[in-house]
């Protein structure tokens, strides 16, 4: 009897993380918007001392939520999650250089949207990239009037994210990015634009995780 009891306790201790329920989507959305902190990067409940032992705690818990939400998407909650991420894309913090490295706030939201691959995210990503509330008309003869893209980590990574989308909206995004090249862009911005355009035009299917690596 003692042996059986010990085995059960050992099983609980060793495999306790597997017994936890999946993160709750509503809680993750609260965490994404900075209203509360519930989960760490692995989707486990944050420990009591997490806020004391994690640098840039509030920013990183938002990033954890952005990374976890794509894994929770199903047919019933897809729109809810996409809309929450789009709200965070617009109103959340931009990437921030701490001096010791970049905290990829907006980058991780863009990457989360790319992993879900919902076409409704393409236009908002382009608007954020171009700093406009509406997109200019697509004109085959003349691109957008002198829209210069600042070389920031979030802009470079939004371009990366756009390159992983598929479908009609992705094709339109490729055309818009081609028009951005009418204006002389920073060399890194130009390189990222060309790479994402090529990815969309060739219809390349590749694991998004392999392409979505933060650019500084």
Protein backbone atom coordinates (compact mmCIF):
# COMPACT_ATOMS: atom_id res chain seq x y z
CA UNK A 1 0.00 0.00 0.00
CA UNK A 2 2.81 2.42 0.86
CA UNK A 3 4.53 1.63 -2.41
CA UNK A 4 1.37 2.39 -4.38
CA UNK A 5 0.84 5.64 -2.51
CA UNK A 6 4.44 6.70 -3.14
CA UNK A 7 4.11 5.91 -6.85
CA UNK A 8 0.98 8.01 -7.19
CA UNK A 9 2.65 10.95 -5.46
CA UNK A 10 5.72 10.60 -7.67
CA UNK A 11 3.53 10.52 -10.78
CA UNK A 12 1.76 13.73 -9.67
CA UNK A 13 5.02 15.54 -8.92
CA UNK A 14 6.81 14.46 -12.10
CA UNK A 15 3.89 14.97 -14.45
CA UNK A 16 2.02 17.75 -12.65
CA UNK A 17 2.45 20.18 -15.53
CA UNK A 18 0.62 17.76 -17.81
CA UNK A 19 -2.33 17.66 -15.43
CA UNK A 20 -2.89 21.41 -15.70
CA UNK A 21 -5.68 22.56 -17.95
CA UNK A 22 -4.87 24.53 -21.08
CA UNK A 23 -4.62 28.30 -20.63
CA UNK A 24 -7.97 30.04 -20.69
CA UNK A 25 -8.43 32.20 -23.82
CA UNK A 26 -10.30 34.98 -21.98
CA UNK A 27 -7.49 35.19 -19.44
CA UNK A 28 -4.86 35.22 -22.18
CA UNK A 29 -6.64 38.14 -23.86
CA UNK A 30 -6.67 40.03 -20.55
CA UNK A 31 -2.95 39.33 -20.26
CA UNK A 32 -2.34 40.44 -23.85
CA UNK A 33 -3.90 43.81 -23.02
CA UNK A 34 -1.97 44.15 -19.75
CA UNK A 35 -5.04 43.90 -17.52
CA UNK A 36 -3.73 40.92 -15.57
CA UNK A 37 -0.92 38.37 -15.56
CA UNK A 38 -1.76 34.66 -15.39
CA UNK A 39 0.58 32.52 -17.52
CA UNK A 40 4.26 32.13 -18.28
CA UNK A 41 5.74 31.40 -21.72
CA UNK A 42 4.84 27.69 -21.39
CA UNK A 43 1.19 28.36 -20.53
CA UNK A 44 1.71 27.44 -16.87
CA UNK A 45 0.37 29.52 -14.00
CA UNK A 46 2.80 32.26 -13.04
CA UNK A 47 4.52 31.65 -9.74
CA UNK A 48 4.16 33.94 -6.75
CA UNK A 49 7.59 35.48 -7.26
CA UNK A 50 7.41 35.80 -11.06
CA UNK A 51 7.03 39.58 -10.97
CA UNK A 52 10.14 39.85 -8.81
CA UNK A 53 12.33 37.53 -10.86
CA UNK A 54 11.37 38.54 -14.43
CA UNK A 55 12.85 41.67 -15.96
CA UNK A 56 10.36 43.85 -17.85
CA UNK A 57 7.68 41.64 -16.33
CA UNK A 58 4.55 43.33 -17.68
CA UNK A 59 5.90 43.56 -21.21
CA UNK A 60 7.01 39.96 -21.27
CA UNK A 61 3.73 38.62 -19.92
CA UNK A 62 1.97 40.38 -22.82
CA UNK A 63 4.46 38.75 -25.18
CA UNK A 64 3.78 35.35 -23.59
CA UNK A 65 0.07 35.84 -24.27
CA UNK A 66 0.73 36.80 -27.91
CA UNK A 67 2.80 33.65 -28.39
CA UNK A 68 0.26 31.38 -26.69
CA UNK A 69 -2.93 32.63 -28.35
CA UNK A 70 -2.26 31.19 -31.86
CA UNK A 71 -1.99 27.73 -30.27
CA UNK A 72 -5.47 28.13 -28.79
CA UNK A 73 -7.29 29.01 -32.03
CA UNK A 74 -10.26 26.91 -33.08
CA UNK A 75 -13.31 27.53 -35.26
CA UNK A 76 -15.32 28.95 -32.36
CA UNK A 77 -12.79 31.45 -31.01
CA UNK A 78 -10.80 32.38 -34.13
CA UNK A 79 -12.44 35.79 -34.66
CA UNK A 80 -12.21 36.63 -30.96
CA UNK A 81 -8.48 35.92 -30.86
CA UNK A 82 -7.71 37.67 -34.17
CA UNK A 83 -9.64 40.79 -33.10
CA UNK A 84 -7.84 40.86 -29.74
CA UNK A 85 -4.47 40.66 -31.47
CA UNK A 86 -5.46 43.38 -33.97
CA UNK A 87 -6.47 45.65 -31.10
CA UNK A 88 -3.10 45.01 -29.46
CA UNK A 89 -1.35 45.68 -32.78
CA UNK A 90 -2.93 49.13 -32.92
CA UNK A 91 -2.88 50.21 -29.29
CA UNK A 92 -0.15 48.11 -27.72
CA UNK A 93 3.46 49.09 -27.13
CA UNK A 94 5.99 49.22 -29.91
CA UNK A 95 9.23 47.24 -29.75
CA UNK A 96 11.56 48.74 -27.17
CA UNK A 97 15.34 48.73 -26.98
CA UNK A 98 16.31 48.27 -23.33
CA UNK A 99 20.02 48.72 -23.97
CA UNK A 100 20.56 45.05 -23.21
CA UNK A 101 18.37 43.96 -26.11
CA UNK A 102 15.04 44.59 -27.79
CA UNK A 103 11.73 43.71 -26.18
CA UNK A 104 9.71 42.63 -29.22
CA UNK A 105 6.28 43.90 -28.19
CA UNK A 106 4.63 44.67 -31.55
CA UNK A 107 6.76 42.13 -33.40
CA UNK A 108 5.32 39.21 -31.45
CA UNK A 109 1.76 40.40 -32.11
CA UNK A 110 2.49 40.59 -35.85
CA UNK A 111 4.01 37.11 -35.73
CA UNK A 112 1.00 35.74 -33.84
CA UNK A 113 -1.31 37.08 -36.56
CA UNK A 114 0.93 35.54 -39.21
CA UNK A 115 0.80 32.15 -37.53
CA UNK A 116 -3.01 32.23 -37.49
CA UNK A 117 -2.92 33.30 -41.17
CA UNK A 118 -6.29 35.05 -41.11
CA UNK A 119 -6.65 37.33 -44.17
CA UNK A 120 -8.41 40.00 -42.10
CA UNK A 121 -5.05 40.83 -40.50
CA UNK A 122 -3.29 41.79 -43.73
CA UNK A 123 -4.70 45.30 -44.19
CA UNK A 124 -4.21 46.33 -40.52
CA UNK A 125 -0.60 45.11 -40.71
CA UNK A 126 -0.04 47.19 -43.85
CA UNK A 127 -1.68 50.22 -42.22
CA UNK A 128 0.58 49.90 -39.17
CA UNK A 129 3.63 49.51 -41.41
CA UNK A 130 2.75 52.58 -43.47
CA UNK A 131 1.51 54.67 -40.55
CA UNK A 132 -1.86 55.35 -42.18
CA UNK A 133 -5.45 54.79 -41.10
CA UNK A 134 -6.42 53.86 -44.67
CA UNK A 135 -4.42 52.31 -47.48
CA UNK A 136 -3.67 54.29 -50.64
CA UNK A 137 -5.30 53.16 -53.86
CA UNK A 138 -3.34 50.61 -55.84
CA UNK A 139 -2.18 52.22 -59.06
CA UNK A 140 -0.12 50.21 -61.52
CA UNK A 141 1.61 53.31 -62.91
CA UNK A 142 2.51 55.19 -59.77
CA UNK A 143 3.05 53.95 -56.27
CA UNK A 144 1.94 55.62 -53.03
CA UNK A 145 3.12 59.20 -52.82
CA UNK A 146 6.50 59.16 -51.07
CA UNK A 147 5.73 56.75 -48.26
CA UNK A 148 9.01 56.09 -46.50
CA UNK A 149 9.13 53.18 -44.08
CA UNK A 150 11.23 53.81 -40.98
CA UNK A 151 13.81 51.15 -40.24
CA UNK A 152 12.54 49.87 -36.88
CA UNK A 153 12.47 46.31 -35.60
CA UNK A 154 8.66 46.28 -35.57
CA UNK A 155 8.46 47.51 -39.18
CA UNK A 156 10.99 44.97 -40.42
CA UNK A 157 9.13 42.19 -38.66
CA UNK A 158 5.70 43.32 -39.86
CA UNK A 159 7.14 43.01 -43.37
CA UNK A 160 8.37 39.50 -42.47
CA UNK A 161 4.92 38.62 -41.13
CA UNK A 162 3.18 39.85 -44.30
CA UNK A 163 5.37 37.54 -46.36
CA UNK A 164 3.87 34.44 -44.74
CA UNK A 165 0.22 35.14 -45.59
CA UNK A 166 -1.53 33.37 -48.43
CA UNK A 167 -4.60 34.22 -50.49
CA UNK A 168 -5.98 37.26 -52.31
CA UNK A 169 -5.21 39.75 -49.53
CA UNK A 170 -1.59 38.55 -49.51
CA UNK A 171 -1.39 39.12 -53.28
CA UNK A 172 -2.72 42.65 -52.77
CA UNK A 173 -0.15 43.18 -50.02
CA UNK A 174 2.64 42.11 -52.38
CA UNK A 175 1.44 44.69 -54.93
CA UNK A 176 1.34 47.38 -52.24
CA UNK A 177 4.85 46.49 -51.06
CA UNK A 178 6.09 46.68 -54.66
CA UNK A 179 4.69 50.19 -54.83
CA UNK A 180 6.48 51.14 -51.64
CA UNK A 181 9.70 50.36 -53.49
CA UNK A 182 8.98 53.23 -55.91
CA UNK A 183 10.21 55.42 -53.06
CA UNK A 184 13.85 54.92 -52.15
CA UNK A 185 13.77 52.95 -48.91
CA UNK A 186 16.38 52.13 -46.31
CA UNK A 187 18.46 49.16 -47.61
CA UNK A 188 17.25 46.83 -44.83
CA UNK A 189 13.62 47.82 -45.42
CA UNK A 190 14.06 47.24 -49.15
CA UNK A 191 15.65 43.83 -48.54
CA UNK A 192 12.77 42.75 -46.30
CA UNK A 193 10.15 44.03 -48.76
CA UNK A 194 11.74 42.15 -51.66
CA UNK A 195 11.99 38.96 -49.62
CA UNK A 196 8.34 39.03 -48.56
CA UNK A 197 7.14 39.93 -52.05
CA UNK A 198 9.05 36.96 -53.47
CA UNK A 199 7.62 34.65 -50.80
CA UNK A 200 4.05 35.67 -51.65
CA UNK A 201 4.53 35.68 -55.43
CA UNK A 202 6.04 32.19 -55.44
CA UNK A 203 3.35 30.90 -53.12
CA UNK A 204 6.05 29.35 -50.99
CA UNK A 205 4.74 27.11 -48.24
CA UNK A 206 7.17 26.93 -45.36
CA UNK A 207 6.85 26.55 -41.61
CA UNK A 208 6.05 30.04 -40.37
CA UNK A 209 8.21 29.49 -37.31
CA UNK A 210 11.28 29.07 -39.54
CA UNK A 211 10.70 32.42 -41.29
CA UNK A 212 9.39 34.47 -38.41
CA UNK A 213 12.59 35.36 -36.62
CA UNK A 214 12.84 38.83 -35.10
CA UNK A 215 14.86 41.37 -37.09
CA UNK A 216 16.39 44.23 -35.15
